[in-house]
Every structure is written in C-alpha cells, then in structure tokens.
Amino acid sequence: SKDLKGAMETLIEQKRQKLSTVEKLDEHMDFASQLIFAQNRGELTAENVNQCVLEMMIAAPDTLSVTLFFMLILIAEHPTVEEEMMREIETVVGKQELQS
C-alpha cells in the first residue's frame, strides 16, 4: 500500500510540474488537473488529491470492464444499432485500418 501511495504521489507531482510549464492549459485539463488546481485554491488537501487519484486508478478497471460488457451485450441485441455504429466508424475512419 505504501509503494502504491508513493507511486501516486510521484505521478501527481509529475503532473503538477507539467501543468506549470505548458503553454495552453486547456489542452491538459483533465480530472487530475482539476484536483491539483482545487488543492492550489485550498479546496482540497494533498491527501484528498492523492486519495481521489488512487481510487480512480483502482476502481476504473472494474467499472470499465462491466460497462464494456453490458455495452457489447446491448449492441449484440440490437443489430440495427450495430449497423449504424459501423457506418459511422466507416464515415469517420474511411478505409484505414482501425487502431486502438
């Protein structure tokens, strides 16, 4: 637990340093950035920020996998939606090979 907490603190500090050097802040505004700025304004403590980021990292894989599973089930149950999605992908991507 200490190793994970230390790694999180290092990552947050790296993000904080990156934010202090970017030219266009709006291109780097994500949830972690919002947390860091809330700490800078005194709305959160460093411990609050660390805990939020840690919880996102731990919880995200579980919630993402469940969400993707149900999304795929729903797509399989609605072939017309699947066809519409494929048309939209082809419109956006064209004939290029899809990449993750």
PDB file of N, CA and C in Angstrom:
ATOM      1  N   SER A   1       0.821  -1.200   0.000  1.00  0.00           N
ATOM      2  CA  SER A   1       0.000   0.000   0.000  1.00  0.00           C
ATOM      3  C   SER A   1       0.868   1.269   0.000  1.00  0.00           C
ATOM      4  N   LYS A   2       1.972   1.234   0.791  1.00  0.00           N
ATOM      5  CA  LYS A   2       2.870   2.389   0.834  1.00  0.00           C
ATOM      6  C   LYS A   2       3.521   2.627  -0.517  1.00  0.00           C
ATOM      7  N   ASP A   3       3.893   1.517  -1.208  1.00  0.00           N
ATOM      8  CA  ASP A   3       4.524   1.644  -2.520  1.00  0.00           C
ATOM      9  C   ASP A   3       3.560   2.284  -3.518  1.00  0.00           C
ATOM     10  N   LEU A   4       2.307   1.837  -3.503  1.00  0.00           N
ATOM     11  CA  LEU A   4       1.303   2.387  -4.408  1.00  0.00           C
ATOM     12  C   LEU A   4       1.048   3.856  -4.096  1.00  0.00           C
ATOM     13  N   LYS A   5       0.950   4.172  -2.823  1.00  0.00           N
ATOM     14  CA  LYS A   5       0.715   5.558  -2.415  1.00  0.00           C
ATOM     15  C   LYS A   5       1.890   6.446  -2.839  1.00  0.00           C
ATOM     16  N   GLY A   6       3.113   5.953  -2.667  1.00  0.00           N
ATOM     17  CA  GLY A   6       4.291   6.701  -3.079  1.00  0.00           C
ATOM     18  C   GLY A   6       4.337   6.915  -4.582  1.00  0.00           C
ATOM     19  N   ALA A   7       3.965   5.874  -5.331  1.00  0.00           N
ATOM     20  CA  ALA A   7       3.937   5.983  -6.792  1.00  0.00           C
ATOM     21  C   ALA A   7       2.905   7.015  -7.228  1.00  0.00           C
ATOM     22  N   MET A   8       1.744   7.024  -6.556  1.00  0.00           N
ATOM     23  CA  MET A   8       0.702   8.001  -6.878  1.00  0.00           C
ATOM     24  C   MET A   8       1.186   9.417  -6.612  1.00  0.00           C
ATOM     25  N   GLU A   9       1.846   9.612  -5.490  1.00  0.00           N
ATOM     26  CA  GLU A   9       2.363  10.942  -5.153  1.00  0.00           C
ATOM     27  C   GLU A   9       3.377  11.405  -6.195  1.00  0.00           C
ATOM     28  N   THR A  10       4.211  10.498  -6.665  1.00  0.00           N
ATOM     29  CA  THR A  10       5.199  10.831  -7.701  1.00  0.00           C
ATOM     30  C   THR A  10       4.504  11.226  -8.990  1.00  0.00           C
ATOM     31  N   LEU A  11       3.496  10.461  -9.393  1.00  0.00           N
ATOM     32  CA  LEU A  11       2.762  10.772 -10.627  1.00  0.00           C
ATOM     33  C   LEU A  11       2.049  12.120 -10.532  1.00  0.00           C
ATOM     34  N   ILE A  12       1.451  12.388  -9.384  1.00  0.00           N
ATOM     35  CA  ILE A  12       0.749  13.661  -9.200  1.00  0.00           C
ATOM     36  C   ILE A  12       1.740  14.817  -9.249  1.00  0.00           C
ATOM     37  N   GLU A  13       2.898  14.641  -8.657  1.00  0.00           N
ATOM     38  CA  GLU A  13       3.918  15.697  -8.689  1.00  0.00           C
ATOM     39  C   GLU A  13       4.411  15.920 -10.118  1.00  0.00           C
ATOM     40  N   GLN A  14       4.572  14.850 -10.882  1.00  0.00           N
ATOM     41  CA  GLN A  14       4.970  14.992 -12.295  1.00  0.00           C
ATOM     42  C   GLN A  14       3.902  15.757 -13.070  1.00  0.00           C
ATOM     43  N   LYS A  15       2.637  15.455 -12.806  1.00  0.00           N
ATOM     44  CA  LYS A  15       1.522  16.159 -13.465  1.00  0.00           C
ATOM     45  C   LYS A  15       1.537  17.632 -13.064  1.00  0.00           C
ATOM     46  N   ARG A  16       1.762  17.908 -11.783  1.00  0.00           N
ATOM     47  CA  ARG A  16       1.812  19.284 -11.281  1.00  0.00           C
ATOM     48  C   ARG A  16       2.916  20.065 -12.004  1.00  0.00           C
ATOM     49  N   GLN A  17       4.096  19.454 -12.157  1.00  0.00           N
ATOM     50  CA  GLN A  17       5.212  20.112 -12.843  1.00  0.00           C
ATOM     51  C   GLN A  17       4.893  20.352 -14.307  1.00  0.00           C
ATOM     52  N   LYS A  18       4.257  19.377 -14.949  1.00  0.00           N
ATOM     53  CA  LYS A  18       3.888  19.530 -16.358  1.00  0.00           C
ATOM     54  C   LYS A  18       2.910  20.691 -16.525  1.00  0.00           C
ATOM     55  N   LEU A  19       1.934  20.777 -15.626  1.00  0.00           N
ATOM     56  CA  LEU A  19       0.944  21.854 -15.707  1.00  0.00           C
ATOM     57  C   LEU A  19       1.590  23.226 -15.559  1.00  0.00           C
ATOM     58  N   SER A  20       2.665  23.292 -14.795  1.00  0.00           N
ATOM     59  CA  SER A  20       3.318  24.584 -14.559  1.00  0.00           C
ATOM     60  C   SER A  20       4.138  25.044 -15.755  1.00  0.00           C
ATOM     61  N   THR A  21       4.370  24.159 -16.729  1.00  0.00           N
ATOM     62  CA  THR A  21       5.226  24.518 -17.864  1.00  0.00           C
ATOM     63  C   THR A  21       4.506  24.554 -19.206  1.00  0.00           C
ATOM     64  N   VAL A  22       3.239  24.126 -19.261  1.00  0.00           N
ATOM     65  CA  VAL A  22       2.545  24.084 -20.551  1.00  0.00           C
ATOM     66  C   VAL A  22       2.140  25.481 -21.001  1.00  0.00           C
ATOM     67  N   GLU A  23       2.073  25.652 -22.329  1.00  0.00           N
ATOM     68  CA  GLU A  23       1.652  26.943 -22.883  1.00  0.00           C
ATOM     69  C   GLU A  23       0.135  27.074 -22.895  1.00  0.00           C
ATOM     70  N   LYS A  24      -0.548  26.034 -23.359  1.00  0.00           N
ATOM     71  CA  LYS A  24      -2.008  26.065 -23.447  1.00  0.00           C
ATOM     72  C   LYS A  24      -2.581  25.116 -22.403  1.00  0.00           C
ATOM     73  N   LEU A  25      -3.021  25.686 -21.315  1.00  0.00           N
ATOM     74  CA  LEU A  25      -3.509  24.899 -20.194  1.00  0.00           C
ATOM     75  C   LEU A  25      -4.746  24.083 -20.559  1.00  0.00           C
ATOM     76  N   ASP A  26      -5.619  24.643 -21.407  1.00  0.00           N
ATOM     77  CA  ASP A  26      -6.877  23.965 -21.721  1.00  0.00           C
ATOM     78  C   ASP A  26      -6.664  22.617 -22.403  1.00  0.00           C
ATOM     79  N   GLU A  27      -5.527  22.402 -23.055  1.00  0.00           N
ATOM     80  CA  GLU A  27      -5.250  21.122 -23.705  1.00  0.00           C
ATOM     81  C   GLU A  27      -4.846  20.046 -22.697  1.00  0.00           C
ATOM     82  N   HIS A  28      -4.577  20.434 -21.468  1.00  0.00           N
ATOM     83  CA  HIS A  28      -4.111  19.499 -20.449  1.00  0.00           C
ATOM     84  C   HIS A  28      -5.059  19.408 -19.262  1.00  0.00           C
ATOM     85  N   MET A  29      -6.279  19.919 -19.429  1.00  0.00           N
ATOM     86  CA  MET A  29      -7.224  19.905 -18.318  1.00  0.00           C
ATOM     87  C   MET A  29      -7.993  18.587 -18.288  1.00  0.00           C
ATOM     88  N   ASP A  30      -7.670  17.759 -17.341  1.00  0.00           N
ATOM     89  CA  ASP A  30      -8.384  16.523 -17.109  1.00  0.00           C
ATOM     90  C   ASP A  30      -8.760  16.485 -15.623  1.00  0.00           C
ATOM     91  N   PHE A  31      -9.277  15.371 -15.176  1.00  0.00           N
ATOM     92  CA  PHE A  31      -9.754  15.307 -13.795  1.00  0.00           C
ATOM     93  C   PHE A  31      -8.612  15.501 -12.798  1.00  0.00           C
ATOM     94  N   ALA A  32      -7.443  14.890 -13.074  1.00  0.00           N
ATOM     95  CA  ALA A  32      -6.308  15.061 -12.170  1.00  0.00           C
ATOM     96  C   ALA A  32      -5.880  16.521 -12.110  1.00  0.00           C
ATOM     97  N   SER A  33      -5.910  17.210 -13.249  1.00  0.00           N
ATOM     98  CA  SER A  33      -5.561  18.635 -13.274  1.00  0.00           C
ATOM     99  C   SER A  33      -6.536  19.445 -12.434  1.00  0.00           C
ATOM    100  N   GLN A  34      -7.824  19.130 -12.550  1.00  0.00           N
ATOM    101  CA  GLN A  34      -8.843  19.829 -11.766  1.00  0.00           C
ATOM    102  C   GLN A  34      -8.593  19.631 -10.269  1.00  0.00           C
ATOM    103  N   LEU A  35      -8.214  18.409  -9.890  1.00  0.00           N
ATOM    104  CA  LEU A  35      -7.921  18.139  -8.482  1.00  0.00           C
ATOM    105  C   LEU A  35      -6.724  18.956  -8.003  1.00  0.00           C
ATOM    106  N   ILE A  36      -5.681  19.006  -8.820  1.00  0.00           N
ATOM    107  CA  ILE A  36      -4.480  19.766  -8.467  1.00  0.00           C
ATOM    108  C   ILE A  36      -4.812  21.245  -8.290  1.00  0.00           C
ATOM    109  N   PHE A  37      -5.612  21.796  -9.197  1.00  0.00           N
ATOM    110  CA  PHE A  37      -5.979  23.213  -9.080  1.00  0.00           C
ATOM    111  C   PHE A  37      -6.879  23.463  -7.876  1.00  0.00           C
ATOM    112  N   ALA A  38      -7.725  22.489  -7.540  1.00  0.00           N
ATOM    113  CA  ALA A  38      -8.551  22.623  -6.337  1.00  0.00           C
ATOM    114  C   ALA A  38      -7.663  22.649  -5.095  1.00  0.00           C
ATOM    115  N   GLN A  39      -6.595  21.852  -5.104  1.00  0.00           N
ATOM    116  CA  GLN A  39      -5.644  21.889  -3.989  1.00  0.00           C
ATOM    117  C   GLN A  39      -4.943  23.247  -3.946  1.00  0.00           C
ATOM    118  N   ASN A  40      -4.545  23.761  -5.106  1.00  0.00           N
ATOM    119  CA  ASN A  40      -3.874  25.068  -5.151  1.00  0.00           C
ATOM    120  C   ASN A  40      -4.765  26.176  -4.594  1.00  0.00           C
ATOM    121  N   ARG A  41      -6.082  26.046  -4.803  1.00  0.00           N
ATOM    122  CA  ARG A  41      -7.026  27.053  -4.293  1.00  0.00           C
ATOM    123  C   ARG A  41      -7.360  26.827  -2.819  1.00  0.00           C
ATOM    124  N   GLY A  42      -6.854  25.747  -2.247  1.00  0.00           N
ATOM    125  CA  GLY A  42      -7.126  25.450  -0.844  1.00  0.00           C
ATOM    126  C   GLY A  42      -8.419  24.700  -0.613  1.00  0.00           C
ATOM    127  N   GLU A  43      -9.045  24.205  -1.681  1.00  0.00           N
ATOM    128  CA  GLU A  43     -10.308  23.482  -1.547  1.00  0.00           C
ATOM    129  C   GLU A  43     -10.099  22.013  -1.176  1.00  0.00           C
ATOM    130  N   LEU A  44      -8.916  21.472  -1.496  1.00  0.00           N
ATOM    131  CA  LEU A  44      -8.572  20.093  -1.176  1.00  0.00           C
ATOM    132  C   LEU A  44      -7.179  20.061  -0.560  1.00  0.00           C
ATOM    133  N   THR A  45      -6.928  19.024   0.217  1.00  0.00           N
ATOM    134  CA  THR A  45      -5.578  18.824   0.733  1.00  0.00           C
ATOM    135  C   THR A  45      -4.822  17.911  -0.235  1.00  0.00           C
ATOM    136  N   ALA A  46      -3.502  17.837  -0.060  1.00  0.00           N
ATOM    137  CA  ALA A  46      -2.696  16.917  -0.883  1.00  0.00           C
ATOM    138  C   ALA A  46      -3.184  15.484  -0.684  1.00  0.00           C
ATOM    139  N   GLU A  47      -3.554  15.144   0.547  1.00  0.00           N
ATOM    140  CA  GLU A  47      -4.057  13.795   0.829  1.00  0.00           C
ATOM    141  C   GLU A  47      -5.365  13.531   0.084  1.00  0.00           C
ATOM    142  N   ASN A  48      -6.256  14.548   0.002  1.00  0.00           N
ATOM    143  CA  ASN A  48      -7.501  14.398  -0.753  1.00  0.00           C
ATOM    144  C   ASN A  48      -7.208  14.085  -2.212  1.00  0.00           C
ATOM    145  N   VAL A  49      -6.286  14.831  -2.799  1.00  0.00           N
ATOM    146  CA  VAL A  49      -5.933  14.647  -4.211  1.00  0.00           C
ATOM    147  C   VAL A  49      -5.357  13.252  -4.417  1.00  0.00           C
ATOM    148  N   ASN A  50      -4.414  12.856  -3.565  1.00  0.00           N
ATOM    149  CA  ASN A  50      -3.800  11.532  -3.682  1.00  0.00           C
ATOM    150  C   ASN A  50      -4.847  10.429  -3.584  1.00  0.00           C
ATOM    151  N   GLN A  51      -5.767  10.558  -2.641  1.00  0.00           N
ATOM    152  CA  GLN A  51      -6.791   9.537  -2.441  1.00  0.00           C
ATOM    153  C   GLN A  51      -7.729   9.453  -3.639  1.00  0.00           C
ATOM    154  N   CYS A  52      -8.135  10.586  -4.179  1.00  0.00           N
ATOM    155  CA  CYS A  52      -9.022  10.585  -5.351  1.00  0.00           C
ATOM    156  C   CYS A  52      -8.368   9.894  -6.548  1.00  0.00           C
ATOM    157  N   VAL A  53      -7.112  10.244  -6.808  1.00  0.00           N
ATOM    158  CA  VAL A  53      -6.409   9.645  -7.950  1.00  0.00           C
ATOM    159  C   VAL A  53      -6.214   8.150  -7.717  1.00  0.00           C
ATOM    160  N   LEU A  54      -5.843   7.770  -6.512  1.00  0.00           N
ATOM    161  CA  LEU A  54      -5.652   6.358  -6.182  1.00  0.00           C
ATOM    162  C   LEU A  54      -6.952   5.580  -6.383  1.00  0.00           C
ATOM    163  N   GLU A  55      -8.059   6.119  -5.918  1.00  0.00           N
ATOM    164  CA  GLU A  55      -9.353   5.436  -6.072  1.00  0.00           C
ATOM    165  C   GLU A  55      -9.747   5.320  -7.535  1.00  0.00           C
ATOM    166  N   MET A  56      -9.447   6.354  -8.337  1.00  0.00           N
ATOM    167  CA  MET A  56      -9.748   6.263  -9.774  1.00  0.00           C
ATOM    168  C   MET A  56      -8.932   5.144 -10.410  1.00  0.00           C
ATOM    169  N   MET A  57      -7.664   5.040 -10.041  1.00  0.00           N
ATOM    170  CA  MET A  57      -6.793   4.024 -10.632  1.00  0.00           C
ATOM    171  C   MET A  57      -7.233   2.616 -10.237  1.00  0.00           C
ATOM    172  N   ILE A  58      -7.677   2.448  -9.004  1.00  0.00           N
ATOM    173  CA  ILE A  58      -8.068   1.120  -8.522  1.00  0.00           C
ATOM    174  C   ILE A  58      -9.450   0.737  -9.043  1.00  0.00           C
ATOM    175  N   ALA A  59     -10.387   1.660  -9.040  1.00  0.00           N
ATOM    176  CA  ALA A  59     -11.770   1.342  -9.399  1.00  0.00           C
ATOM    177  C   ALA A  59     -12.006   1.289 -10.904  1.00  0.00           C
ATOM    178  N   ALA A  60     -11.277   2.054 -11.666  1.00  0.00           N
ATOM    179  CA  ALA A  60     -11.554   2.187 -13.100  1.00  0.00           C
ATOM    180  C   ALA A  60     -11.568   0.865 -13.861  1.00  0.00           C
ATOM    181  N   PRO A  61     -10.601  -0.037 -13.674  1.00  0.00           N
ATOM    182  CA  PRO A  61     -10.643  -1.277 -14.463  1.00  0.00           C
ATOM    183  C   PRO A  61     -11.906  -2.092 -14.242  1.00  0.00           C
ATOM    184  N   ASP A  62     -12.390  -2.176 -12.998  1.00  0.00           N
ATOM    185  CA  ASP A  62     -13.604  -2.948 -12.719  1.00  0.00           C
ATOM    186  C   ASP A  62     -14.825  -2.312 -13.353  1.00  0.00           C
ATOM    187  N   THR A  63     -15.006  -1.023 -13.149  1.00  0.00           N
ATOM    188  CA  THR A  63     -16.198  -0.373 -13.690  1.00  0.00           C
ATOM    189  C   THR A  63     -16.149  -0.338 -15.214  1.00  0.00           C
ATOM    190  N   LEU A  64     -14.965  -0.152 -15.774  1.00  0.00           N
ATOM    191  CA  LEU A  64     -14.828  -0.126 -17.232  1.00  0.00           C
ATOM    192  C   LEU A  64     -15.174  -1.479 -17.833  1.00  0.00           C
ATOM    193  N   SER A  65     -14.677  -2.552 -17.237  1.00  0.00           N
ATOM    194  CA  SER A  65     -14.938  -3.879 -17.799  1.00  0.00           C
ATOM    195  C   SER A  65     -16.428  -4.222 -17.739  1.00  0.00           C
ATOM    196  N   VAL A  66     -17.087  -3.879 -16.647  1.00  0.00           N
ATOM    197  CA  VAL A  66     -18.527  -4.148 -16.531  1.00  0.00           C
ATOM    198  C   VAL A  66     -19.300  -3.321 -17.551  1.00  0.00           C
ATOM    199  N   THR A  67     -18.940  -2.049 -17.693  1.00  0.00           N
ATOM    200  CA  THR A  67     -19.617  -1.167 -18.650  1.00  0.00           C
ATOM    201  C   THR A  67     -19.433  -1.681 -20.074  1.00  0.00           C
ATOM    202  N   LEU A  68     -18.221  -2.049 -20.443  1.00  0.00           N
ATOM    203  CA  LEU A  68     -17.966  -2.567 -21.794  1.00  0.00           C
ATOM    204  C   LEU A  68     -18.732  -3.865 -22.040  1.00  0.00           C
ATOM    205  N   PHE A  69     -18.780  -4.737 -21.050  1.00  0.00           N
ATOM    206  CA  PHE A  69     -19.513  -5.992 -21.186  1.00  0.00           C
ATOM    207  C   PHE A  69     -20.982  -5.730 -21.524  1.00  0.00           C
ATOM    208  N   PHE A  70     -21.632  -4.847 -20.747  1.00  0.00           N
ATOM    209  CA  PHE A  70     -23.051  -4.570 -20.994  1.00  0.00           C
ATOM    210  C   PHE A  70     -23.253  -3.822 -22.307  1.00  0.00           C
ATOM    211  N   MET A  71     -22.314  -2.962 -22.668  1.00  0.00           N
ATOM    212  CA  MET A  71     -22.414  -2.264 -23.947  1.00  0.00           C
ATOM    213  C   MET A  71     -22.376  -3.272 -25.099  1.00  0.00           C
ATOM    214  N   LEU A  72     -21.465  -4.229 -25.031  1.00  0.00           N
ATOM    215  CA  LEU A  72     -21.356  -5.241 -26.086  1.00  0.00           C
ATOM    216  C   LEU A  72     -22.600  -6.125 -26.140  1.00  0.00           C
ATOM    217  N   ILE A  73     -23.148  -6.465 -24.986  1.00  0.00           N
ATOM    218  CA  ILE A  73     -24.394  -7.255 -24.944  1.00  0.00           C
ATOM    219  C   ILE A  73     -25.520  -6.480 -25.638  1.00  0.00           C
ATOM    220  N   LEU A  74     -25.645  -5.191 -25.299  1.00  0.00           N
ATOM    221  CA  LEU A  74     -26.713  -4.380 -25.888  1.00  0.00           C
ATOM    222  C   LEU A  74     -26.527  -4.228 -27.400  1.00  0.00           C
ATOM    223  N   ILE A  75     -25.310  -4.048 -27.841  1.00  0.00           N
ATOM    224  CA  ILE A  75     -25.054  -3.948 -29.287  1.00  0.00           C
ATOM    225  C   ILE A  75     -25.439  -5.253 -29.970  1.00  0.00           C
ATOM    226  N   ALA A  76     -25.069  -6.386 -29.373  1.00  0.00           N
ATOM    227  CA  ALA A  76     -25.403  -7.688 -29.954  1.00  0.00           C
ATOM    228  C   ALA A  76     -26.917  -7.902 -30.032  1.00  0.00           C
ATOM    229  N   GLU A  77     -27.646  -7.349 -29.076  1.00  0.00           N
ATOM    230  CA  GLU A  77     -29.105  -7.496 -29.057  1.00  0.00           C
ATOM    231  C   GLU A  77     -29.814  -6.539 -30.007  1.00  0.00           C
ATOM    232  N   HIS A  78     -29.102  -5.534 -30.532  1.00  0.00           N
ATOM    233  CA  HIS A  78     -29.706  -4.532 -31.405  1.00  0.00           C
ATOM    234  C   HIS A  78     -28.873  -4.380 -32.681  1.00  0.00           C
ATOM    235  N   PRO A  79     -29.075  -5.289 -33.642  1.00  0.00           N
ATOM    236  CA  PRO A  79     -28.250  -5.278 -34.855  1.00  0.00           C
ATOM    237  C   PRO A  79     -28.354  -3.981 -35.666  1.00  0.00           C
ATOM    238  N   THR A  80     -29.483  -3.302 -35.614  1.00  0.00           N
ATOM    239  CA  THR A  80     -29.582  -2.045 -36.369  1.00  0.00           C
ATOM    240  C   THR A  80     -28.677  -0.976 -35.767  1.00  0.00           C
ATOM    241  N   VAL A  81     -28.539  -0.982 -34.455  1.00  0.00           N
ATOM    242  CA  VAL A  81     -27.626  -0.049 -33.796  1.00  0.00           C
ATOM    243  C   VAL A  81     -26.191  -0.389 -34.192  1.00  0.00           C
ATOM    244  N   GLU A  82     -25.874  -1.678 -34.224  1.00  0.00           N
ATOM    245  CA  GLU A  82     -24.533  -2.103 -34.639  1.00  0.00           C
ATOM    246  C   GLU A  82     -24.244  -1.636 -36.067  1.00  0.00           C
ATOM    247  N   GLU A  83     -25.204  -1.769 -36.956  1.00  0.00           N
ATOM    248  CA  GLU A  83     -25.020  -1.327 -38.339  1.00  0.00           C
ATOM    249  C   GLU A  83     -24.792   0.185 -38.411  1.00  0.00           C
ATOM    250  N   GLU A  84     -25.562   0.941 -37.634  1.00  0.00           N
ATOM    251  CA  GLU A  84     -25.381   2.397 -37.605  1.00  0.00           C
ATOM    252  C   GLU A  84     -23.993   2.763 -37.080  1.00  0.00           C
ATOM    253  N   MET A  85     -23.546   2.056 -36.047  1.00  0.00           N
ATOM    254  CA  MET A  85     -22.214   2.319 -35.491  1.00  0.00           C
ATOM    255  C   MET A  85     -21.129   2.035 -36.532  1.00  0.00           C
ATOM    256  N   MET A  86     -21.278   0.928 -37.252  1.00  0.00           N
ATOM    257  CA  MET A  86     -20.283   0.582 -38.264  1.00  0.00           C
ATOM    258  C   MET A  86     -20.264   1.620 -39.388  1.00  0.00           C
ATOM    259  N   ARG A  87     -21.442   2.112 -39.782  1.00  0.00           N
ATOM    260  CA  ARG A  87     -21.486   3.166 -40.813  1.00  0.00           C
ATOM    261  C   ARG A  87     -20.781   4.433 -40.329  1.00  0.00           C
ATOM    262  N   GLU A  88     -21.016   4.796 -39.074  1.00  0.00           N
ATOM    263  CA  GLU A  88     -20.372   5.989 -38.533  1.00  0.00           C
ATOM    264  C   GLU A  88     -18.853   5.811 -38.460  1.00  0.00           C
ATOM    265  N   ILE A  89     -18.424   4.642 -38.045  1.00  0.00           N
ATOM    266  CA  ILE A  89     -16.979   4.374 -37.999  1.00  0.00           C
ATOM    267  C   ILE A  89     -16.382   4.491 -39.394  1.00  0.00           C
ATOM    268  N   GLU A  90     -17.048   3.907 -40.381  1.00  0.00           N
ATOM    269  CA  GLU A  90     -16.549   3.978 -41.756  1.00  0.00           C
ATOM    270  C   GLU A  90     -16.528   5.413 -42.262  1.00  0.00           C
ATOM    271  N   THR A  91     -17.520   6.203 -41.873  1.00  0.00           N
ATOM    272  CA  THR A  91     -17.568   7.602 -42.288  1.00  0.00           C
ATOM    273  C   THR A  91     -16.399   8.384 -41.695  1.00  0.00           C
ATOM    274  N   VAL A  92     -16.098   8.146 -40.440  1.00  0.00           N
ATOM    275  CA  VAL A  92     -15.036   8.880 -39.753  1.00  0.00           C
ATOM    276  C   VAL A  92     -13.652   8.367 -40.131  1.00  0.00           C
ATOM    277  N   VAL A  93     -13.496   7.044 -40.145  1.00  0.00           N
ATOM    278  CA  VAL A  93     -12.178   6.448 -40.345  1.00  0.00           C
ATOM    279  C   VAL A  93     -11.883   6.198 -41.821  1.00  0.00           C
ATOM    280  N   GLY A  94     -12.929   5.981 -42.615  1.00  0.00           N
ATOM    281  CA  GLY A  94     -12.721   5.655 -44.027  1.00  0.00           C
ATOM    282  C   GLY A  94     -12.244   4.233 -44.167  1.00  0.00           C
ATOM    283  N   LYS A  95     -11.335   4.017 -45.099  1.00  0.00           N
ATOM    284  CA  LYS A  95     -10.837   2.660 -45.356  1.00  0.00           C
ATOM    285  C   LYS A  95      -9.587   2.324 -44.569  1.00  0.00           C
ATOM    286  N   GLN A  96      -9.161   3.232 -43.684  1.00  0.00           N
ATOM    287  CA  GLN A  96      -7.993   2.958 -42.856  1.00  0.00           C
ATOM    288  C   GLN A  96      -8.281   1.779 -41.917  1.00  0.00           C
ATOM    289  N   GLU A  97      -7.220   1.098 -41.534  1.00  0.00           N
ATOM    290  CA  GLU A  97      -7.373   0.036 -40.561  1.00  0.00           C
ATOM    291  C   GLU A  97      -7.596   0.646 -39.184  1.00  0.00           C
ATOM    292  N   LEU A  98      -8.543   0.094 -38.433  1.00  0.00           N
ATOM    293  CA  LEU A  98      -8.811   0.612 -37.087  1.00  0.00           C
ATOM    294  C   LEU A  98      -7.653   0.326 -36.167  1.00  0.00           C
ATOM    295  N   GLN A  99      -7.366   1.272 -35.299  1.00  0.00           N
ATOM    296  CA  GLN A  99      -6.315   1.107 -34.295  1.00  0.00           C
ATOM    297  C   GLN A  99      -6.886   1.453 -32.939  1.00  0.00           C
ATOM    298  N   SER A 100      -6.312   0.862 -31.901  1.00  0.00           N
ATOM    299  CA  SER A 100      -6.807   1.178 -30.553  1.00  0.00           C
ATOM    300  C   SER A 100      -6.322   2.548 -30.138  1.00  0.00           C
TER     301      SER A 100
END
